[in-house]
Amino acid sequence: MTNKKTVYYTEAQERMARYAKALGHPVRVFIMDYLVKNSSRCCYSGDMAEELPIARSTLSQHLSELKDAGLIQGEINAPYIKYCINKENWAEAEKLFGQFFTRNSLQNNIEANQ
């Protein structure tokens, strides 16, 4: 007999987990920093490749992960791809993480239990 527990996650928790997974590598954090700093314009992957000591194929995999999570968007201008922040989803990620850390602040919990 198995004792299965059904776990229900909210849609917001699932989205936040997807964003967190996409940000779970230092190269992807660098990419997001780079794109946010250049948010007034889109950037080509070649621009980022010049900044990172990784193969272009590796950079492409990281960009794909961020794109799949919805944090960035790419526009093909053959033979190049321009990448930009997906501003709507980035704002949502900021809000979700902000609420999460505020709600789960260790300092607030320590003060509440004193």
PDB file of N, CA and C in Angstrom:
ATOM      1  N   MET A   1       0.845  -1.172   0.000  1.00  0.00           N
ATOM      2  CA  MET A   1       0.000   0.000   0.000  1.00  0.00           C
ATOM      3  C   MET A   1       0.895   1.241   0.000  1.00  0.00           C
ATOM      4  N   THR A   2       0.648   2.106  -0.924  1.00  0.00           N
ATOM      5  CA  THR A   2       1.432   3.338  -0.981  1.00  0.00           C
ATOM      6  C   THR A   2       0.651   4.476  -0.368  1.00  0.00           C
ATOM      7  N   ASN A   3       1.390   5.341   0.263  1.00  0.00           N
ATOM      8  CA  ASN A   3       0.787   6.505   0.897  1.00  0.00           C
ATOM      9  C   ASN A   3       1.129   7.727   0.053  1.00  0.00           C
ATOM     10  N   LYS A   4       0.295   7.988  -0.939  1.00  0.00           N
ATOM     11  CA  LYS A   4       0.555   9.121  -1.824  1.00  0.00           C
ATOM     12  C   LYS A   4      -0.102  10.370  -1.267  1.00  0.00           C
ATOM     13  N   LYS A   5       0.655  11.435  -1.307  1.00  0.00           N
ATOM     14  CA  LYS A   5       0.114  12.733  -0.933  1.00  0.00           C
ATOM     15  C   LYS A   5       0.005  13.565  -2.191  1.00  0.00           C
ATOM     16  N   THR A   6      -1.107  14.195  -2.339  1.00  0.00           N
ATOM     17  CA  THR A   6      -1.278  15.086  -3.470  1.00  0.00           C
ATOM     18  C   THR A   6      -0.890  16.483  -3.032  1.00  0.00           C
ATOM     19  N   VAL A   7       0.033  17.051  -3.767  1.00  0.00           N
ATOM     20  CA  VAL A   7       0.499  18.392  -3.453  1.00  0.00           C
ATOM     21  C   VAL A   7      -0.065  19.339  -4.501  1.00  0.00           C
ATOM     22  N   TYR A   8      -0.638  20.395  -4.019  1.00  0.00           N
ATOM     23  CA  TYR A   8      -1.199  21.384  -4.924  1.00  0.00           C
ATOM     24  C   TYR A   8      -0.383  22.662  -4.820  1.00  0.00           C
ATOM     25  N   TYR A   9       0.088  23.112  -5.949  1.00  0.00           N
ATOM     26  CA  TYR A   9       0.843  24.351  -6.013  1.00  0.00           C
ATOM     27  C   TYR A   9      -0.029  25.385  -6.694  1.00  0.00           C
ATOM     28  N   THR A  10       0.136  26.595  -6.255  1.00  0.00           N
ATOM     29  CA  THR A  10      -0.599  27.659  -6.929  1.00  0.00           C
ATOM     30  C   THR A  10       0.071  27.933  -8.275  1.00  0.00           C
ATOM     31  N   GLU A  11      -0.674  28.550  -9.151  1.00  0.00           N
ATOM     32  CA  GLU A  11      -0.122  28.922 -10.454  1.00  0.00           C
ATOM     33  C   GLU A  11       1.063  29.873 -10.274  1.00  0.00           C
ATOM     34  N   ALA A  12       0.953  30.771  -9.308  1.00  0.00           N
ATOM     35  CA  ALA A  12       2.043  31.718  -9.041  1.00  0.00           C
ATOM     36  C   ALA A  12       3.293  30.979  -8.565  1.00  0.00           C
ATOM     37  N   GLN A  13       3.132  29.969  -7.723  1.00  0.00           N
ATOM     38  CA  GLN A  13       4.281  29.188  -7.250  1.00  0.00           C
ATOM     39  C   GLN A  13       4.945  28.442  -8.407  1.00  0.00           C
ATOM     40  N   GLU A  14       4.145  27.909  -9.310  1.00  0.00           N
ATOM     41  CA  GLU A  14       4.700  27.205 -10.464  1.00  0.00           C
ATOM     42  C   GLU A  14       5.472  28.159 -11.373  1.00  0.00           C
ATOM     43  N   ARG A  15       4.925  29.343 -11.608  1.00  0.00           N
ATOM     44  CA  ARG A  15       5.618  30.320 -12.454  1.00  0.00           C
ATOM     45  C   ARG A  15       6.915  30.778 -11.793  1.00  0.00           C
ATOM     46  N   MET A  16       6.860  31.036 -10.486  1.00  0.00           N
ATOM     47  CA  MET A  16       8.060  31.475  -9.783  1.00  0.00           C
ATOM     48  C   MET A  16       9.139  30.387  -9.831  1.00  0.00           C
ATOM     49  N   ALA A  17       8.745  29.137  -9.674  1.00  0.00           N
ATOM     50  CA  ALA A  17       9.703  28.033  -9.741  1.00  0.00           C
ATOM     51  C   ALA A  17      10.324  27.938 -11.135  1.00  0.00           C
ATOM     52  N   ARG A  18       9.540  28.182 -12.164  1.00  0.00           N
ATOM     53  CA  ARG A  18      10.071  28.149 -13.537  1.00  0.00           C
ATOM     54  C   ARG A  18      11.082  29.269 -13.747  1.00  0.00           C
ATOM     55  N   TYR A  19      10.758  30.462 -13.246  1.00  0.00           N
ATOM     56  CA  TYR A  19      11.699  31.579 -13.354  1.00  0.00           C
ATOM     57  C   TYR A  19      12.975  31.276 -12.566  1.00  0.00           C
ATOM     58  N   ALA A  20      12.813  30.715 -11.361  1.00  0.00           N
ATOM     59  CA  ALA A  20      13.974  30.398 -10.523  1.00  0.00           C
ATOM     60  C   ALA A  20      14.870  29.367 -11.204  1.00  0.00           C
ATOM     61  N   LYS A  21      14.263  28.363 -11.814  1.00  0.00           N
ATOM     62  CA  LYS A  21      15.047  27.352 -12.521  1.00  0.00           C
ATOM     63  C   LYS A  21      15.828  27.992 -13.664  1.00  0.00           C
ATOM     64  N   ALA A  22      15.178  28.872 -14.402  1.00  0.00           N
ATOM     65  CA  ALA A  22      15.848  29.533 -15.527  1.00  0.00           C
ATOM     66  C   ALA A  22      17.009  30.396 -15.053  1.00  0.00           C
ATOM     67  N   LEU A  23      16.906  30.954 -13.864  1.00  0.00           N
ATOM     68  CA  LEU A  23      17.962  31.811 -13.313  1.00  0.00           C
ATOM     69  C   LEU A  23      18.994  31.016 -12.506  1.00  0.00           C
ATOM     70  N   GLY A  24      18.882  29.694 -12.537  1.00  0.00           N
ATOM     71  CA  GLY A  24      19.706  28.833 -11.701  1.00  0.00           C
ATOM     72  C   GLY A  24      21.113  28.556 -12.209  1.00  0.00           C
ATOM     73  N   HIS A  25      21.649  29.400 -13.051  1.00  0.00           N
ATOM     74  CA  HIS A  25      23.028  29.235 -13.523  1.00  0.00           C
ATOM     75  C   HIS A  25      23.658  30.617 -13.639  1.00  0.00           C
ATOM     76  N   PRO A  26      24.913  30.766 -13.202  1.00  0.00           N
ATOM     77  CA  PRO A  26      25.554  32.090 -13.232  1.00  0.00           C
ATOM     78  C   PRO A  26      25.595  32.732 -14.621  1.00  0.00           C
ATOM     79  N   VAL A  27      25.729  31.938 -15.663  1.00  0.00           N
ATOM     80  CA  VAL A  27      25.746  32.514 -17.015  1.00  0.00           C
ATOM     81  C   VAL A  27      24.392  33.137 -17.336  1.00  0.00           C
ATOM     82  N   ARG A  28      23.316  32.475 -16.936  1.00  0.00           N
ATOM     83  CA  ARG A  28      21.983  33.026 -17.215  1.00  0.00           C
ATOM     84  C   ARG A  28      21.719  34.270 -16.376  1.00  0.00           C
ATOM     85  N   VAL A  29      22.249  34.315 -15.172  1.00  0.00           N
ATOM     86  CA  VAL A  29      22.138  35.535 -14.357  1.00  0.00           C
ATOM     87  C   VAL A  29      22.907  36.662 -15.044  1.00  0.00           C
ATOM     88  N   PHE A  30      24.101  36.361 -15.558  1.00  0.00           N
ATOM     89  CA  PHE A  30      24.884  37.355 -16.298  1.00  0.00           C
ATOM     90  C   PHE A  30      24.096  37.860 -17.507  1.00  0.00           C
ATOM     91  N   ILE A  31      23.496  36.946 -18.255  1.00  0.00           N
ATOM     92  CA  ILE A  31      22.724  37.328 -19.442  1.00  0.00           C
ATOM     93  C   ILE A  31      21.593  38.273 -19.059  1.00  0.00           C
ATOM     94  N   MET A  32      20.882  37.956 -17.992  1.00  0.00           N
ATOM     95  CA  MET A  32      19.774  38.824 -17.574  1.00  0.00           C
ATOM     96  C   MET A  32      20.300  40.188 -17.146  1.00  0.00           C
ATOM     97  N   ASP A  33      21.400  40.217 -16.392  1.00  0.00           N
ATOM     98  CA  ASP A  33      22.022  41.499 -16.023  1.00  0.00           C
ATOM     99  C   ASP A  33      22.368  42.298 -17.276  1.00  0.00           C
ATOM    100  N   TYR A  34      22.975  41.640 -18.231  1.00  0.00           N
ATOM    101  CA  TYR A  34      23.412  42.284 -19.473  1.00  0.00           C
ATOM    102  C   TYR A  34      22.214  42.860 -20.232  1.00  0.00           C
ATOM    103  N   LEU A  35      21.157  42.069 -20.355  1.00  0.00           N
ATOM    104  CA  LEU A  35      19.981  42.531 -21.098  1.00  0.00           C
ATOM    105  C   LEU A  35      19.230  43.640 -20.362  1.00  0.00           C
ATOM    106  N   VAL A  36      19.185  43.561 -19.036  1.00  0.00           N
ATOM    107  CA  VAL A  36      18.529  44.629 -18.268  1.00  0.00           C
ATOM    108  C   VAL A  36      19.307  45.930 -18.424  1.00  0.00           C
ATOM    109  N   LYS A  37      20.631  45.861 -18.340  1.00  0.00           N
ATOM    110  CA  LYS A  37      21.453  47.069 -18.503  1.00  0.00           C
ATOM    111  C   LYS A  37      21.300  47.670 -19.892  1.00  0.00           C
ATOM    112  N   ASN A  38      20.979  46.843 -20.860  1.00  0.00           N
ATOM    113  CA  ASN A  38      20.803  47.293 -22.241  1.00  0.00           C
ATOM    114  C   ASN A  38      19.335  47.230 -22.657  1.00  0.00           C
ATOM    115  N   SER A  39      18.433  47.408 -21.699  1.00  0.00           N
ATOM    116  CA  SER A  39      17.007  47.210 -21.976  1.00  0.00           C
ATOM    117  C   SER A  39      16.411  48.243 -22.924  1.00  0.00           C
ATOM    118  N   SER A  40      17.119  49.336 -23.166  1.00  0.00           N
ATOM    119  CA  SER A  40      16.604  50.331 -24.105  1.00  0.00           C
ATOM    120  C   SER A  40      16.761  49.860 -25.555  1.00  0.00           C
ATOM    121  N   ARG A  41      17.549  48.799 -25.725  1.00  0.00           N
ATOM    122  CA  ARG A  41      17.726  48.228 -27.064  1.00  0.00           C
ATOM    123  C   ARG A  41      17.869  46.718 -26.924  1.00  0.00           C
ATOM    124  N   CYS A  42      17.677  46.021 -27.998  1.00  0.00           N
ATOM    125  CA  CYS A  42      17.892  44.575 -27.990  1.00  0.00           C
ATOM    126  C   CYS A  42      19.356  44.292 -28.298  1.00  0.00           C
ATOM    127  N   CYS A  43      19.817  43.114 -27.912  1.00  0.00           N
ATOM    128  CA  CYS A  43      21.219  42.750 -28.097  1.00  0.00           C
ATOM    129  C   CYS A  43      21.319  41.473 -28.922  1.00  0.00           C
ATOM    130  N   TYR A  44      22.322  41.422 -29.746  1.00  0.00           N
ATOM    131  CA  TYR A  44      22.591  40.205 -30.507  1.00  0.00           C
ATOM    132  C   TYR A  44      23.378  39.231 -29.644  1.00  0.00           C
ATOM    133  N   SER A  45      23.180  37.950 -29.906  1.00  0.00           N
ATOM    134  CA  SER A  45      23.903  36.940 -29.133  1.00  0.00           C
ATOM    135  C   SER A  45      25.413  37.112 -29.295  1.00  0.00           C
ATOM    136  N   GLY A  46      25.857  37.583 -30.454  1.00  0.00           N
ATOM    137  CA  GLY A  46      27.285  37.825 -30.672  1.00  0.00           C
ATOM    138  C   GLY A  46      27.851  38.863 -29.725  1.00  0.00           C
ATOM    139  N   ASP A  47      27.027  39.878 -29.372  1.00  0.00           N
ATOM    140  CA  ASP A  47      27.461  40.889 -28.402  1.00  0.00           C
ATOM    141  C   ASP A  47      27.754  40.239 -27.054  1.00  0.00           C
ATOM    142  N   MET A  48      26.856  39.336 -26.650  1.00  0.00           N
ATOM    143  CA  MET A  48      27.034  38.661 -25.363  1.00  0.00           C
ATOM    144  C   MET A  48      28.187  37.673 -25.421  1.00  0.00           C
ATOM    145  N   ALA A  49      28.370  37.024 -26.567  1.00  0.00           N
ATOM    146  CA  ALA A  49      29.452  36.040 -26.715  1.00  0.00           C
ATOM    147  C   ALA A  49      30.811  36.690 -26.507  1.00  0.00           C
ATOM    148  N   GLU A  50      30.933  37.957 -26.882  1.00  0.00           N
ATOM    149  CA  GLU A  50      32.196  38.673 -26.685  1.00  0.00           C
ATOM    150  C   GLU A  50      32.477  38.949 -25.213  1.00  0.00           C
ATOM    151  N   GLU A  51      31.436  38.945 -24.395  1.00  0.00           N
ATOM    152  CA  GLU A  51      31.567  39.236 -22.967  1.00  0.00           C
ATOM    153  C   GLU A  51      31.801  37.985 -22.119  1.00  0.00           C
ATOM    154  N   LEU A  52      31.514  36.823 -22.676  1.00  0.00           N
ATOM    155  CA  LEU A  52      31.562  35.583 -21.899  1.00  0.00           C
ATOM    156  C   LEU A  52      32.613  34.616 -22.440  1.00  0.00           C
ATOM    157  N   PRO A  53      33.334  33.941 -21.541  1.00  0.00           N
ATOM    158  CA  PRO A  53      34.341  32.971 -21.980  1.00  0.00           C
ATOM    159  C   PRO A  53      33.734  31.580 -22.197  1.00  0.00           C
ATOM    160  N   ILE A  54      32.655  31.514 -22.970  1.00  0.00           N
ATOM    161  CA  ILE A  54      32.004  30.231 -23.252  1.00  0.00           C
ATOM    162  C   ILE A  54      31.776  30.115 -24.759  1.00  0.00           C
ATOM    163  N   ALA A  55      31.570  28.893 -25.212  1.00  0.00           N
ATOM    164  CA  ALA A  55      31.303  28.650 -26.626  1.00  0.00           C
ATOM    165  C   ALA A  55      29.944  29.239 -27.010  1.00  0.00           C
ATOM    166  N   ARG A  56      29.820  29.642 -28.255  1.00  0.00           N
ATOM    167  CA  ARG A  56      28.546  30.200 -28.734  1.00  0.00           C
ATOM    168  C   ARG A  56      27.412  29.187 -28.597  1.00  0.00           C
ATOM    169  N   SER A  57      27.725  27.912 -28.788  1.00  0.00           N
ATOM    170  CA  SER A  57      26.682  26.890 -28.654  1.00  0.00           C
ATOM    171  C   SER A  57      26.185  26.811 -27.212  1.00  0.00           C
ATOM    172  N   THR A  58      27.089  26.984 -26.257  1.00  0.00           N
ATOM    173  CA  THR A  58      26.704  26.989 -24.840  1.00  0.00           C
ATOM    174  C   THR A  58      25.860  28.216 -24.534  1.00  0.00           C
ATOM    175  N   LEU A  59      26.261  29.364 -25.057  1.00  0.00           N
ATOM    176  CA  LEU A  59      25.478  30.587 -24.888  1.00  0.00           C
ATOM    177  C   LEU A  59      24.083  30.399 -25.463  1.00  0.00           C
ATOM    178  N   SER A  60      23.999  29.780 -26.615  1.00  0.00           N
ATOM    179  CA  SER A  60      22.709  29.537 -27.259  1.00  0.00           C
ATOM    180  C   SER A  60      21.800  28.682 -26.381  1.00  0.00           C
ATOM    181  N   GLN A  61      22.370  27.678 -25.721  1.00  0.00           N
ATOM    182  CA  GLN A  61      21.582  26.829 -24.820  1.00  0.00           C
ATOM    183  C   GLN A  61      21.048  27.634 -23.641  1.00  0.00           C
ATOM    184  N   HIS A  62      21.873  28.504 -23.089  1.00  0.00           N
ATOM    185  CA  HIS A  62      21.435  29.333 -21.965  1.00  0.00           C
ATOM    186  C   HIS A  62      20.350  30.316 -22.407  1.00  0.00           C
ATOM    187  N   LEU A  63      20.514  30.913 -23.569  1.00  0.00           N
ATOM    188  CA  LEU A  63      19.494  31.825 -24.098  1.00  0.00           C
ATOM    189  C   LEU A  63      18.180  31.086 -24.332  1.00  0.00           C
ATOM    190  N   SER A  64      18.274  29.867 -24.814  1.00  0.00           N
ATOM    191  CA  SER A  64      17.085  29.053 -25.052  1.00  0.00           C
ATOM    192  C   SER A  64      16.336  28.770 -23.754  1.00  0.00           C
ATOM    193  N   GLU A  65      17.072  28.475 -22.701  1.00  0.00           N
ATOM    194  CA  GLU A  65      16.451  28.214 -21.389  1.00  0.00           C
ATOM    195  C   GLU A  65      15.708  29.450 -20.886  1.00  0.00           C
ATOM    196  N   LEU A  66      16.330  30.610 -21.013  1.00  0.00           N
ATOM    197  CA  LEU A  66      15.687  31.859 -20.581  1.00  0.00           C
ATOM    198  C   LEU A  66      14.473  32.180 -21.445  1.00  0.00           C
ATOM    199  N   LYS A  67      14.582  31.890 -22.725  1.00  0.00           N
ATOM    200  CA  LYS A  67      13.465  32.137 -23.641  1.00  0.00           C
ATOM    201  C   LYS A  67      12.308  31.188 -23.337  1.00  0.00           C
ATOM    202  N   ASP A  68      12.609  29.910 -23.089  1.00  0.00           N
ATOM    203  CA  ASP A  68      11.568  28.932 -22.761  1.00  0.00           C
ATOM    204  C   ASP A  68      10.822  29.310 -21.487  1.00  0.00           C
ATOM    205  N   ALA A  69      11.524  29.928 -20.550  1.00  0.00           N
ATOM    206  CA  ALA A  69      10.896  30.367 -19.297  1.00  0.00           C
ATOM    207  C   ALA A  69      10.099  31.650 -19.492  1.00  0.00           C
ATOM    208  N   GLY A  70      10.279  32.294 -20.629  1.00  0.00           N
ATOM    209  CA  GLY A  70       9.543  33.524 -20.907  1.00  0.00           C
ATOM    210  C   GLY A  70      10.205  34.784 -20.391  1.00  0.00           C
ATOM    211  N   LEU A  71      11.442  34.681 -19.920  1.00  0.00           N
ATOM    212  CA  LEU A  71      12.116  35.864 -19.384  1.00  0.00           C
ATOM    213  C   LEU A  71      12.708  36.746 -20.475  1.00  0.00           C
ATOM    214  N   ILE A  72      13.019  36.142 -21.621  1.00  0.00           N
ATOM    215  CA  ILE A  72      13.532  36.922 -22.747  1.00  0.00           C
ATOM    216  C   ILE A  72      12.757  36.537 -23.999  1.00  0.00           C
ATOM    217  N   GLN A  73      12.904  37.356 -25.008  1.00  0.00           N
ATOM    218  CA  GLN A  73      12.314  37.031 -26.304  1.00  0.00           C
ATOM    219  C   GLN A  73      13.362  37.274 -27.370  1.00  0.00           C
ATOM    220  N   GLY A  74      13.288  36.491 -28.424  1.00  0.00           N
ATOM    221  CA  GLY A  74      14.252  36.606 -29.507  1.00  0.00           C
ATOM    222  C   GLY A  74      13.554  36.921 -30.817  1.00  0.00           C
ATOM    223  N   GLU A  75      14.217  37.728 -31.607  1.00  0.00           N
ATOM    224  CA  GLU A  75      13.695  38.087 -32.926  1.00  0.00           C
ATOM    225  C   GLU A  75      14.751  37.729 -33.957  1.00  0.00           C
ATOM    226  N   ILE A  76      14.362  36.911 -34.922  1.00  0.00           N
ATOM    227  CA  ILE A  76      15.317  36.460 -35.932  1.00  0.00           C
ATOM    228  C   ILE A  76      15.429  37.496 -37.041  1.00  0.00           C
ATOM    229  N   ASN A  77      16.642  37.961 -37.241  1.00  0.00           N
ATOM    230  CA  ASN A  77      17.022  38.802 -38.375  1.00  0.00           C
ATOM    231  C   ASN A  77      18.164  38.059 -39.048  1.00  0.00           C
ATOM    232  N   ALA A  78      17.808  37.066 -39.853  1.00  0.00           N
ATOM    233  CA  ALA A  78      18.793  36.143 -40.419  1.00  0.00           C
ATOM    234  C   ALA A  78      20.038  36.888 -40.901  1.00  0.00           C
ATOM    235  N   PRO A  79      21.201  36.390 -40.558  1.00  0.00           N
ATOM    236  CA  PRO A  79      21.493  35.172 -39.805  1.00  0.00           C
ATOM    237  C   PRO A  79      21.641  35.417 -38.304  1.00  0.00           C
ATOM    238  N   TYR A  80      21.156  36.534 -37.812  1.00  0.00           N
ATOM    239  CA  TYR A  80      21.341  36.901 -36.407  1.00  0.00           C
ATOM    240  C   TYR A  80      20.025  36.809 -35.638  1.00  0.00           C
ATOM    241  N   ILE A  81      20.162  36.705 -34.320  1.00  0.00           N
ATOM    242  CA  ILE A  81      18.996  36.744 -33.440  1.00  0.00           C
ATOM    243  C   ILE A  81      19.222  37.849 -32.420  1.00  0.00           C
ATOM    244  N   LYS A  82      18.245  38.745 -32.321  1.00  0.00           N
ATOM    245  CA  LYS A  82      18.279  39.815 -31.317  1.00  0.00           C
ATOM    246  C   LYS A  82      17.480  39.348 -30.109  1.00  0.00           C
ATOM    247  N   TYR A  83      18.020  39.588 -28.923  1.00  0.00           N
ATOM    248  CA  TYR A  83      17.345  39.205 -27.687  1.00  0.00           C
ATOM    249  C   TYR A  83      17.024  40.436 -26.862  1.00  0.00           C
ATOM    250  N   CYS A  84      15.848  40.399 -26.246  1.00  0.00           N
ATOM    251  CA  CYS A  84      15.388  41.471 -25.362  1.00  0.00           C
ATOM    252  C   CYS A  84      14.759  40.840 -24.127  1.00  0.00           C
ATOM    253  N   ILE A  85      14.695  41.629 -23.076  1.00  0.00           N
ATOM    254  CA  ILE A  85      13.941  41.229 -21.888  1.00  0.00           C
ATOM    255  C   ILE A  85      12.467  41.169 -22.268  1.00  0.00           C
ATOM    256  N   ASN A  86      11.769  40.146 -21.792  1.00  0.00           N
ATOM    257  CA  ASN A  86      10.310  40.135 -21.889  1.00  0.00           C
ATOM    258  C   ASN A  86       9.837  40.940 -20.682  1.00  0.00           C
ATOM    259  N   LYS A  87       9.565  42.205 -20.906  1.00  0.00           N
ATOM    260  CA  LYS A  87       9.318  43.139 -19.798  1.00  0.00           C
ATOM    261  C   LYS A  87       8.133  42.736 -18.934  1.00  0.00           C
ATOM    262  N   GLU A  88       7.097  42.194 -19.544  1.00  0.00           N
ATOM    263  CA  GLU A  88       5.917  41.780 -18.775  1.00  0.00           C
ATOM    264  C   GLU A  88       6.259  40.640 -17.820  1.00  0.00           C
ATOM    265  N   ASN A  89       6.938  39.613 -18.322  1.00  0.00           N
ATOM    266  CA  ASN A  89       7.289  38.474 -17.473  1.00  0.00           C
ATOM    267  C   ASN A  89       8.382  38.822 -16.467  1.00  0.00           C
ATOM    268  N   TRP A  90       9.307  39.710 -16.849  1.00  0.00           N
ATOM    269  CA  TRP A  90      10.353  40.134 -15.916  1.00  0.00           C
ATOM    270  C   TRP A  90       9.722  40.883 -14.746  1.00  0.00           C
ATOM    271  N   ALA A  91       8.741  41.731 -15.044  1.00  0.00           N
ATOM    272  CA  ALA A  91       8.040  42.461 -13.981  1.00  0.00           C
ATOM    273  C   ALA A  91       7.291  41.485 -13.077  1.00  0.00           C
ATOM    274  N   GLU A  92       6.703  40.454 -13.677  1.00  0.00           N
ATOM    275  CA  GLU A  92       6.007  39.453 -12.874  1.00  0.00           C
ATOM    276  C   GLU A  92       6.992  38.709 -11.977  1.00  0.00           C
ATOM    277  N   ALA A  93       8.150  38.339 -12.513  1.00  0.00           N
ATOM    278  CA  ALA A  93       9.160  37.638 -11.711  1.00  0.00           C
ATOM    279  C   ALA A  93       9.620  38.514 -10.550  1.00  0.00           C
ATOM    280  N   GLU A  94       9.861  39.795 -10.821  1.00  0.00           N
ATOM    281  CA  GLU A  94      10.252  40.726  -9.749  1.00  0.00           C
ATOM    282  C   GLU A  94       9.196  40.749  -8.651  1.00  0.00           C
ATOM    283  N   LYS A  95       7.946  40.830  -9.055  1.00  0.00           N
ATOM    284  CA  LYS A  95       6.844  40.894  -8.088  1.00  0.00           C
ATOM    285  C   LYS A  95       6.745  39.593  -7.285  1.00  0.00           C
ATOM    286  N   LEU A  96       6.780  38.455  -7.979  1.00  0.00           N
ATOM    287  CA  LEU A  96       6.661  37.162  -7.295  1.00  0.00           C
ATOM    288  C   LEU A  96       7.797  36.935  -6.306  1.00  0.00           C
ATOM    289  N   PHE A  97       9.036  37.200  -6.723  1.00  0.00           N
ATOM    290  CA  PHE A  97      10.176  37.005  -5.822  1.00  0.00           C
ATOM    291  C   PHE A  97      10.150  38.011  -4.677  1.00  0.00           C
ATOM    292  N   GLY A  98       9.769  39.247  -4.965  1.00  0.00           N
ATOM    293  CA  GLY A  98       9.668  40.262  -3.913  1.00  0.00           C
ATOM    294  C   GLY A  98       8.670  39.854  -2.846  1.00  0.00           C
ATOM    295  N   GLN A  99       7.498  39.399  -3.285  1.00  0.00           N
ATOM    296  CA  GLN A  99       6.472  38.953  -2.338  1.00  0.00           C
ATOM    297  C   GLN A  99       6.952  37.735  -1.555  1.00  0.00           C
ATOM    298  N   PHE A 100       7.615  36.821  -2.236  1.00  0.00           N
ATOM    299  CA  PHE A 100       8.112  35.609  -1.594  1.00  0.00           C
ATOM    300  C   PHE A 100       9.110  35.938  -0.488  1.00  0.00           C
ATOM    301  N   PHE A 101      10.087  36.791  -0.794  1.00  0.00           N
ATOM    302  CA  PHE A 101      11.105  37.119   0.202  1.00  0.00           C
ATOM    303  C   PHE A 101      10.545  37.984   1.324  1.00  0.00           C
ATOM    304  N   THR A 102       9.605  38.836   1.032  1.00  0.00           N
ATOM    305  CA  THR A 102       8.968  39.628   2.087  1.00  0.00           C
ATOM    306  C   THR A 102       8.166  38.719   3.011  1.00  0.00           C
ATOM    307  N   ARG A 103       7.406  37.813   2.410  1.00  0.00           N
ATOM    308  CA  ARG A 103       6.549  36.896   3.166  1.00  0.00           C
ATOM    309  C   ARG A 103       7.380  35.929   4.004  1.00  0.00           C
ATOM    310  N   ASN A 104       8.552  35.563   3.528  1.00  0.00           N
ATOM    311  CA  ASN A 104       9.374  34.554   4.189  1.00  0.00           C
ATOM    312  C   ASN A 104      10.661  35.126   4.772  1.00  0.00           C
ATOM    313  N   SER A 105      10.624  36.370   5.178  1.00  0.00           N
ATOM    314  CA  SER A 105      11.793  37.026   5.744  1.00  0.00           C
ATOM    315  C   SER A 105      12.157  36.401   7.087  1.00  0.00           C
ATOM    316  N   LEU A 106      13.398  35.962   7.220  1.00  0.00           N
ATOM    317  CA  LEU A 106      13.859  35.412   8.497  1.00  0.00           C
ATOM    318  C   LEU A 106      13.790  36.462   9.595  1.00  0.00           C
ATOM    319  N   GLN A 107      14.182  37.682   9.274  1.00  0.00           N
ATOM    320  CA  GLN A 107      14.164  38.750  10.267  1.00  0.00           C
ATOM    321  C   GLN A 107      12.753  38.972  10.795  1.00  0.00           C
ATOM    322  N   ASN A 108      11.773  39.010   9.896  1.00  0.00           N
ATOM    323  CA  ASN A 108      10.384  39.195  10.330  1.00  0.00           C
ATOM    324  C   ASN A 108       9.918  38.032  11.190  1.00  0.00           C
ATOM    325  N   ASN A 109      10.302  36.803  10.824  1.00  0.00           N
ATOM    326  CA  ASN A 109       9.896  35.634  11.595  1.00  0.00           C
ATOM    327  C   ASN A 109      10.573  35.597  12.955  1.00  0.00           C
ATOM    328  N   ILE A 110      11.838  36.007  13.030  1.00  0.00           N
ATOM    329  CA  ILE A 110      12.551  36.051  14.316  1.00  0.00           C
ATOM    330  C   ILE A 110      11.890  37.067  15.233  1.00  0.00           C
ATOM    331  N   GLU A 111      11.605  38.252  14.702  1.00  0.00           N
ATOM    332  CA  GLU A 111      10.965  39.301  15.500  1.00  0.00           C
ATOM    333  C   GLU A 111       9.570  38.886  15.947  1.00  0.00           C
ATOM    334  N   ALA A 112       8.838  38.187  15.107  1.00  0.00           N
ATOM    335  CA  ALA A 112       7.478  37.766  15.442  1.00  0.00           C
ATOM    336  C   ALA A 112       7.467  36.715  16.543  1.00  0.00           C
ATOM    337  N   ASN A 113       8.539  35.931  16.652  1.00  0.00           N
ATOM    338  CA  ASN A 113       8.598  34.857  17.642  1.00  0.00           C
ATOM    339  C   ASN A 113       9.293  35.261  18.934  1.00  0.00           C
ATOM    340  N   GLN A 114       9.656  36.533  19.066  1.00  0.00           N
ATOM    341  CA  GLN A 114      10.324  36.965  20.302  1.00  0.00           C
ATOM    342  C   GLN A 114       9.324  37.484  21.294  1.00  0.00           C
TER     343      GLN A 114
END
